[in-house]
Amino acid sequence: MKTLVVVLLAGFMLVVPGSGGAHAKTCAAPAYPSVNGRYTSDIGAKHLSCAKAYKLLTKQYECRVKNGPEGRCVKLVMHFGCYEDRYSDFYSPTFVSAVTCKHDNKKVTWSYEQNKTVA
């Protein structure tokens, strides 16, 4: 009976994943593609190189400004689904956005500030 309990516990420990997940690396924010905005934080990249995170960031920027200064990108970018949480005072000439893009176990996060009238 003790052997069965030990075997079951050993098997359970092999199935349950460890609690220490992979941490996102921090990449320095690149130059903003437009003079009318700026990145407000470093880029967080999980299971992705900084170079690929920068490429995703640039592609997402290009996609969203096609729809004007306050445009949004509502399609997949490099297979990533991206969403934004935007914050702005009604009278403020700028908005701040926190962006999260995910694909499988990959995740990239950043934030930016942009002028509402000129991309």
N, C-alpha and C. Protein backbone atom coordinates (compact mmCIF):
# COMPACT_ATOMS: atom_id res chain seq x y z
N MET A 1 0.82 -1.19 0.00
CA MET A 1 0.00 0.00 0.00
C MET A 1 0.87 1.27 0.00
N LYS A 2 1.96 1.26 0.83
CA LYS A 2 2.85 2.42 0.87
C LYS A 2 3.51 2.65 -0.48
N THR A 3 3.86 1.57 -1.16
CA THR A 3 4.49 1.67 -2.47
C THR A 3 3.54 2.33 -3.47
N LEU A 4 2.26 1.95 -3.42
CA LEU A 4 1.26 2.52 -4.32
C LEU A 4 1.12 4.02 -4.08
N VAL A 5 1.09 4.46 -2.83
CA VAL A 5 0.97 5.87 -2.49
C VAL A 5 2.20 6.64 -2.99
N VAL A 6 3.37 6.08 -2.80
CA VAL A 6 4.60 6.72 -3.25
C VAL A 6 4.61 6.85 -4.77
N VAL A 7 4.20 5.81 -5.47
CA VAL A 7 4.16 5.83 -6.93
C VAL A 7 3.14 6.86 -7.41
N LEU A 8 1.97 6.92 -6.79
CA LEU A 8 0.95 7.89 -7.18
C LEU A 8 1.43 9.32 -6.94
N LEU A 9 2.06 9.57 -5.81
CA LEU A 9 2.57 10.90 -5.51
C LEU A 9 3.68 11.30 -6.49
N ALA A 10 4.56 10.38 -6.81
CA ALA A 10 5.63 10.65 -7.77
C ALA A 10 5.04 10.97 -9.15
N GLY A 11 4.04 10.22 -9.56
CA GLY A 11 3.38 10.46 -10.83
C GLY A 11 2.68 11.80 -10.85
N PHE A 12 2.04 12.17 -9.74
CA PHE A 12 1.35 13.45 -9.63
C PHE A 12 2.34 14.60 -9.76
N MET A 13 3.50 14.47 -9.14
CA MET A 13 4.49 15.54 -9.19
C MET A 13 5.05 15.72 -10.61
N LEU A 14 5.06 14.67 -11.41
CA LEU A 14 5.52 14.78 -12.79
C LEU A 14 4.50 15.49 -13.66
N VAL A 15 3.22 15.36 -13.33
CA VAL A 15 2.14 15.94 -14.13
C VAL A 15 1.91 17.41 -13.80
N VAL A 16 2.02 17.80 -12.54
CA VAL A 16 1.76 19.16 -12.12
C VAL A 16 2.94 20.04 -12.49
N PRO A 17 2.69 21.11 -13.29
CA PRO A 17 3.81 21.98 -13.67
C PRO A 17 4.32 22.77 -12.48
N GLY A 18 5.57 23.16 -12.57
CA GLY A 18 6.18 23.96 -11.50
C GLY A 18 5.56 25.36 -11.44
N SER A 19 5.65 25.98 -10.30
CA SER A 19 5.05 27.30 -10.13
C SER A 19 5.94 28.41 -10.67
N GLY A 20 7.19 28.16 -10.91
CA GLY A 20 8.10 29.20 -11.39
C GLY A 20 8.06 29.32 -12.89
N GLY A 21 7.16 30.17 -13.43
CA GLY A 21 7.04 30.35 -14.87
C GLY A 21 8.17 31.22 -15.41
N ALA A 22 8.29 31.25 -16.72
CA ALA A 22 9.32 32.07 -17.35
C ALA A 22 8.97 33.54 -17.17
N HIS A 23 9.98 34.36 -16.91
CA HIS A 23 9.77 35.78 -16.73
C HIS A 23 10.04 36.50 -18.04
N ALA A 24 9.30 37.59 -18.24
CA ALA A 24 9.51 38.38 -19.44
C ALA A 24 10.82 39.15 -19.33
N LYS A 25 11.53 39.22 -20.45
CA LYS A 25 12.75 40.03 -20.48
C LYS A 25 12.34 41.46 -20.78
N THR A 26 13.17 42.39 -20.39
CA THR A 26 12.91 43.80 -20.64
C THR A 26 13.82 44.28 -21.75
N CYS A 27 13.22 44.91 -22.74
CA CYS A 27 13.96 45.46 -23.87
C CYS A 27 13.82 46.98 -23.81
N ALA A 28 14.89 47.69 -24.05
CA ALA A 28 14.84 49.15 -24.06
C ALA A 28 13.88 49.63 -25.15
N ALA A 29 13.12 50.65 -24.85
CA ALA A 29 12.16 51.17 -25.84
C ALA A 29 12.90 51.78 -27.02
N PRO A 30 12.49 51.42 -28.24
CA PRO A 30 13.14 51.99 -29.42
C PRO A 30 12.64 53.42 -29.67
N ALA A 31 13.19 54.07 -30.66
CA ALA A 31 12.72 55.40 -31.03
C ALA A 31 11.29 55.28 -31.55
N TYR A 32 10.42 56.21 -31.16
CA TYR A 32 9.03 56.19 -31.63
C TYR A 32 9.03 56.53 -33.12
N PRO A 33 8.20 55.87 -33.91
CA PRO A 33 8.23 56.07 -35.37
C PRO A 33 7.80 57.47 -35.82
N SER A 34 7.15 58.24 -34.94
CA SER A 34 6.65 59.55 -35.31
C SER A 34 7.16 60.58 -34.30
N VAL A 35 7.28 61.83 -34.70
CA VAL A 35 7.71 62.88 -33.78
C VAL A 35 6.58 63.29 -32.83
N ASN A 36 5.37 62.84 -33.07
CA ASN A 36 4.22 63.25 -32.29
C ASN A 36 3.83 62.24 -31.21
N GLY A 37 4.77 61.46 -30.76
CA GLY A 37 4.48 60.49 -29.71
C GLY A 37 5.78 59.99 -29.11
N ARG A 38 5.63 59.13 -28.09
CA ARG A 38 6.82 58.54 -27.47
C ARG A 38 6.42 57.27 -26.76
N TYR A 39 7.35 56.36 -26.62
CA TYR A 39 7.12 55.17 -25.81
C TYR A 39 7.33 55.58 -24.37
N THR A 40 6.44 55.14 -23.51
CA THR A 40 6.50 55.56 -22.12
C THR A 40 7.07 54.49 -21.20
N SER A 41 7.40 53.35 -21.75
CA SER A 41 7.97 52.29 -20.92
C SER A 41 8.85 51.39 -21.78
N ASP A 42 9.63 50.58 -21.10
CA ASP A 42 10.39 49.56 -21.81
C ASP A 42 9.43 48.52 -22.35
N ILE A 43 9.92 47.68 -23.23
CA ILE A 43 9.11 46.62 -23.83
C ILE A 43 9.32 45.34 -23.02
N GLY A 44 8.23 44.66 -22.67
CA GLY A 44 8.32 43.36 -22.02
C GLY A 44 8.13 42.28 -23.08
N ALA A 45 9.04 41.34 -23.16
CA ALA A 45 8.97 40.28 -24.17
C ALA A 45 9.11 38.92 -23.48
N LYS A 46 8.11 38.09 -23.61
CA LYS A 46 8.13 36.76 -23.01
C LYS A 46 8.16 35.72 -24.12
N HIS A 47 9.19 34.87 -24.13
CA HIS A 47 9.40 33.82 -25.13
C HIS A 47 9.57 34.41 -26.53
N LEU A 48 10.22 35.59 -26.62
CA LEU A 48 10.43 36.27 -27.89
C LEU A 48 11.67 37.16 -27.75
N SER A 49 12.45 37.26 -28.81
CA SER A 49 13.65 38.11 -28.76
C SER A 49 13.24 39.58 -28.80
N CYS A 50 14.12 40.45 -28.35
CA CYS A 50 13.87 41.89 -28.41
C CYS A 50 13.71 42.34 -29.86
N ALA A 51 14.49 41.79 -30.77
CA ALA A 51 14.41 42.17 -32.18
C ALA A 51 13.02 41.87 -32.75
N LYS A 52 12.46 40.70 -32.41
CA LYS A 52 11.12 40.36 -32.90
C LYS A 52 10.05 41.19 -32.19
N ALA A 53 10.28 41.51 -30.93
CA ALA A 53 9.34 42.37 -30.20
C ALA A 53 9.30 43.75 -30.85
N TYR A 54 10.46 44.30 -31.23
CA TYR A 54 10.52 45.60 -31.90
C TYR A 54 9.80 45.55 -33.24
N LYS A 55 9.98 44.46 -33.97
CA LYS A 55 9.33 44.32 -35.27
C LYS A 55 7.81 44.30 -35.08
N LEU A 56 7.32 43.56 -34.09
CA LEU A 56 5.89 43.51 -33.80
C LEU A 56 5.37 44.89 -33.43
N LEU A 57 6.09 45.59 -32.58
CA LEU A 57 5.72 46.93 -32.15
C LEU A 57 5.59 47.86 -33.36
N THR A 58 6.55 47.81 -34.26
CA THR A 58 6.54 48.66 -35.46
C THR A 58 5.38 48.30 -36.37
N LYS A 59 5.13 47.02 -36.59
CA LYS A 59 4.03 46.58 -37.45
C LYS A 59 2.67 46.99 -36.85
N GLN A 60 2.54 46.90 -35.53
CA GLN A 60 1.29 47.28 -34.87
C GLN A 60 1.08 48.78 -35.01
N TYR A 61 2.15 49.56 -34.87
CA TYR A 61 2.07 51.02 -35.06
C TYR A 61 1.60 51.34 -36.48
N GLU A 62 2.24 50.74 -37.48
CA GLU A 62 1.88 51.00 -38.87
C GLU A 62 0.43 50.65 -39.14
N CYS A 63 -0.04 49.53 -38.58
CA CYS A 63 -1.42 49.09 -38.77
C CYS A 63 -2.40 50.09 -38.17
N ARG A 64 -2.14 50.54 -36.95
CA ARG A 64 -3.13 51.40 -36.30
C ARG A 64 -3.16 52.81 -36.85
N VAL A 65 -2.03 53.39 -37.28
CA VAL A 65 -2.08 54.76 -37.79
C VAL A 65 -2.63 54.85 -39.22
N LYS A 66 -2.83 53.72 -39.87
CA LYS A 66 -3.51 53.73 -41.16
C LYS A 66 -4.94 54.26 -41.00
N ASN A 67 -5.48 54.15 -39.79
CA ASN A 67 -6.84 54.60 -39.50
C ASN A 67 -6.86 55.95 -38.80
N GLY A 68 -5.81 56.75 -38.98
CA GLY A 68 -5.75 58.09 -38.39
C GLY A 68 -5.00 58.10 -37.07
N PRO A 69 -4.80 59.29 -36.52
CA PRO A 69 -4.02 59.44 -35.29
C PRO A 69 -4.55 58.63 -34.11
N GLU A 70 -5.86 58.50 -34.00
CA GLU A 70 -6.44 57.72 -32.90
C GLU A 70 -6.88 56.33 -33.38
N GLY A 71 -6.33 55.89 -34.50
CA GLY A 71 -6.70 54.61 -35.08
C GLY A 71 -6.35 53.42 -34.20
N ARG A 72 -7.01 52.33 -34.48
CA ARG A 72 -6.75 51.07 -33.78
C ARG A 72 -6.46 49.99 -34.81
N CYS A 73 -5.71 49.00 -34.38
CA CYS A 73 -5.39 47.87 -35.25
C CYS A 73 -6.24 46.69 -34.77
N VAL A 74 -7.22 46.30 -35.58
CA VAL A 74 -8.15 45.25 -35.16
C VAL A 74 -7.94 43.93 -35.92
N LYS A 75 -6.75 43.74 -36.47
CA LYS A 75 -6.44 42.48 -37.14
C LYS A 75 -5.20 41.87 -36.49
N LEU A 76 -4.92 40.64 -36.84
CA LEU A 76 -3.71 39.99 -36.32
C LEU A 76 -2.48 40.67 -36.91
N VAL A 77 -1.47 40.85 -36.07
CA VAL A 77 -0.20 41.43 -36.50
C VAL A 77 0.87 40.37 -36.25
N MET A 78 1.46 39.87 -37.33
CA MET A 78 2.48 38.81 -37.22
C MET A 78 1.93 37.63 -36.39
N HIS A 79 0.70 37.26 -36.58
CA HIS A 79 0.02 36.17 -35.88
C HIS A 79 -0.33 36.50 -34.43
N PHE A 80 -0.04 37.71 -33.98
CA PHE A 80 -0.34 38.12 -32.61
C PHE A 80 -1.68 38.85 -32.58
N GLY A 81 -2.45 38.57 -31.56
CA GLY A 81 -3.65 39.35 -31.29
C GLY A 81 -3.25 40.45 -30.31
N CYS A 82 -3.51 41.69 -30.66
CA CYS A 82 -3.11 42.82 -29.82
C CYS A 82 -4.36 43.57 -29.35
N TYR A 83 -4.30 44.03 -28.11
CA TYR A 83 -5.35 44.90 -27.61
C TYR A 83 -4.73 46.03 -26.81
N GLU A 84 -5.49 47.14 -26.73
CA GLU A 84 -4.98 48.33 -26.06
C GLU A 84 -5.96 48.80 -24.99
N ASP A 85 -5.41 49.29 -23.91
CA ASP A 85 -6.17 50.02 -22.90
C ASP A 85 -5.72 51.46 -23.01
N ARG A 86 -6.63 52.33 -23.46
CA ARG A 86 -6.26 53.74 -23.66
C ARG A 86 -6.84 54.60 -22.55
N TYR A 87 -6.04 55.61 -22.19
CA TYR A 87 -6.44 56.55 -21.15
C TYR A 87 -6.24 57.96 -21.67
N SER A 88 -7.25 58.81 -21.47
CA SER A 88 -7.11 60.19 -21.89
C SER A 88 -8.16 61.04 -21.20
N ASP A 89 -7.74 62.25 -20.86
CA ASP A 89 -8.67 63.27 -20.40
C ASP A 89 -9.34 63.82 -21.66
N PHE A 90 -10.61 64.14 -21.59
CA PHE A 90 -11.33 64.64 -22.76
C PHE A 90 -10.64 65.84 -23.38
N TYR A 91 -10.11 66.73 -22.56
CA TYR A 91 -9.49 67.95 -23.05
C TYR A 91 -8.00 67.81 -23.36
N SER A 92 -7.42 66.70 -23.03
CA SER A 92 -6.00 66.50 -23.25
C SER A 92 -5.71 66.31 -24.74
N PRO A 93 -4.62 66.88 -25.24
CA PRO A 93 -4.28 66.70 -26.66
C PRO A 93 -3.62 65.35 -26.94
N THR A 94 -3.35 64.56 -25.88
CA THR A 94 -2.70 63.26 -26.06
C THR A 94 -3.49 62.16 -25.38
N PHE A 95 -3.16 60.92 -25.73
CA PHE A 95 -3.67 59.76 -25.01
C PHE A 95 -2.50 58.84 -24.70
N VAL A 96 -2.66 58.03 -23.68
CA VAL A 96 -1.66 57.04 -23.29
C VAL A 96 -2.31 55.67 -23.47
N SER A 97 -1.58 54.74 -24.04
CA SER A 97 -2.11 53.42 -24.30
C SER A 97 -1.16 52.34 -23.80
N ALA A 98 -1.72 51.33 -23.16
CA ALA A 98 -0.97 50.14 -22.76
C ALA A 98 -1.34 49.04 -23.74
N VAL A 99 -0.36 48.46 -24.42
CA VAL A 99 -0.59 47.46 -25.46
C VAL A 99 -0.11 46.09 -24.99
N THR A 100 -0.92 45.07 -25.24
CA THR A 100 -0.53 43.69 -24.97
C THR A 100 -0.80 42.88 -26.24
N CYS A 101 0.20 42.16 -26.70
CA CYS A 101 0.05 41.29 -27.87
C CYS A 101 0.42 39.87 -27.45
N LYS A 102 -0.43 38.90 -27.83
CA LYS A 102 -0.19 37.50 -27.45
C LYS A 102 -0.34 36.58 -28.65
N HIS A 103 0.48 35.54 -28.64
CA HIS A 103 0.37 34.45 -29.62
C HIS A 103 0.96 33.21 -28.97
N ASP A 104 0.16 32.18 -28.80
CA ASP A 104 0.55 30.96 -28.09
C ASP A 104 1.14 31.35 -26.72
N ASN A 105 2.37 30.97 -26.43
CA ASN A 105 2.98 31.30 -25.14
C ASN A 105 3.81 32.58 -25.21
N LYS A 106 3.78 33.27 -26.35
CA LYS A 106 4.55 34.50 -26.52
C LYS A 106 3.68 35.70 -26.12
N LYS A 107 4.33 36.68 -25.49
CA LYS A 107 3.61 37.88 -25.05
C LYS A 107 4.55 39.07 -25.11
N VAL A 108 4.06 40.18 -25.65
CA VAL A 108 4.83 41.41 -25.72
C VAL A 108 3.95 42.53 -25.18
N THR A 109 4.52 43.37 -24.30
CA THR A 109 3.77 44.49 -23.73
C THR A 109 4.60 45.77 -23.84
N TRP A 110 3.90 46.88 -24.04
CA TRP A 110 4.54 48.19 -24.04
C TRP A 110 3.45 49.24 -23.85
N SER A 111 3.88 50.46 -23.63
CA SER A 111 2.92 51.57 -23.59
C SER A 111 3.50 52.73 -24.38
N TYR A 112 2.60 53.60 -24.85
CA TYR A 112 3.04 54.76 -25.61
C TYR A 112 2.09 55.93 -25.34
N GLU A 113 2.58 57.11 -25.63
CA GLU A 113 1.77 58.32 -25.56
C GLU A 113 1.78 58.94 -26.95
N GLN A 114 0.61 59.40 -27.40
CA GLN A 114 0.54 59.94 -28.75
C GLN A 114 -0.41 61.12 -28.81
N ASN A 115 -0.09 62.07 -29.67
CA ASN A 115 -0.93 63.21 -29.94
C ASN A 115 -2.22 62.72 -30.61
N LYS A 116 -3.37 63.26 -30.23
CA LYS A 116 -4.66 62.81 -30.78
C LYS A 116 -4.90 63.29 -32.22
N THR A 117 -4.21 64.33 -32.63
CA THR A 117 -4.53 64.90 -33.95
C THR A 117 -3.52 64.56 -35.03
N VAL A 118 -2.32 64.18 -34.69
CA VAL A 118 -1.30 63.87 -35.69
C VAL A 118 -0.57 62.60 -35.29
N ALA A 119 -0.55 61.61 -36.18
CA ALA A 119 0.19 60.38 -35.90
C ALA A 119 1.61 60.65 -36.23
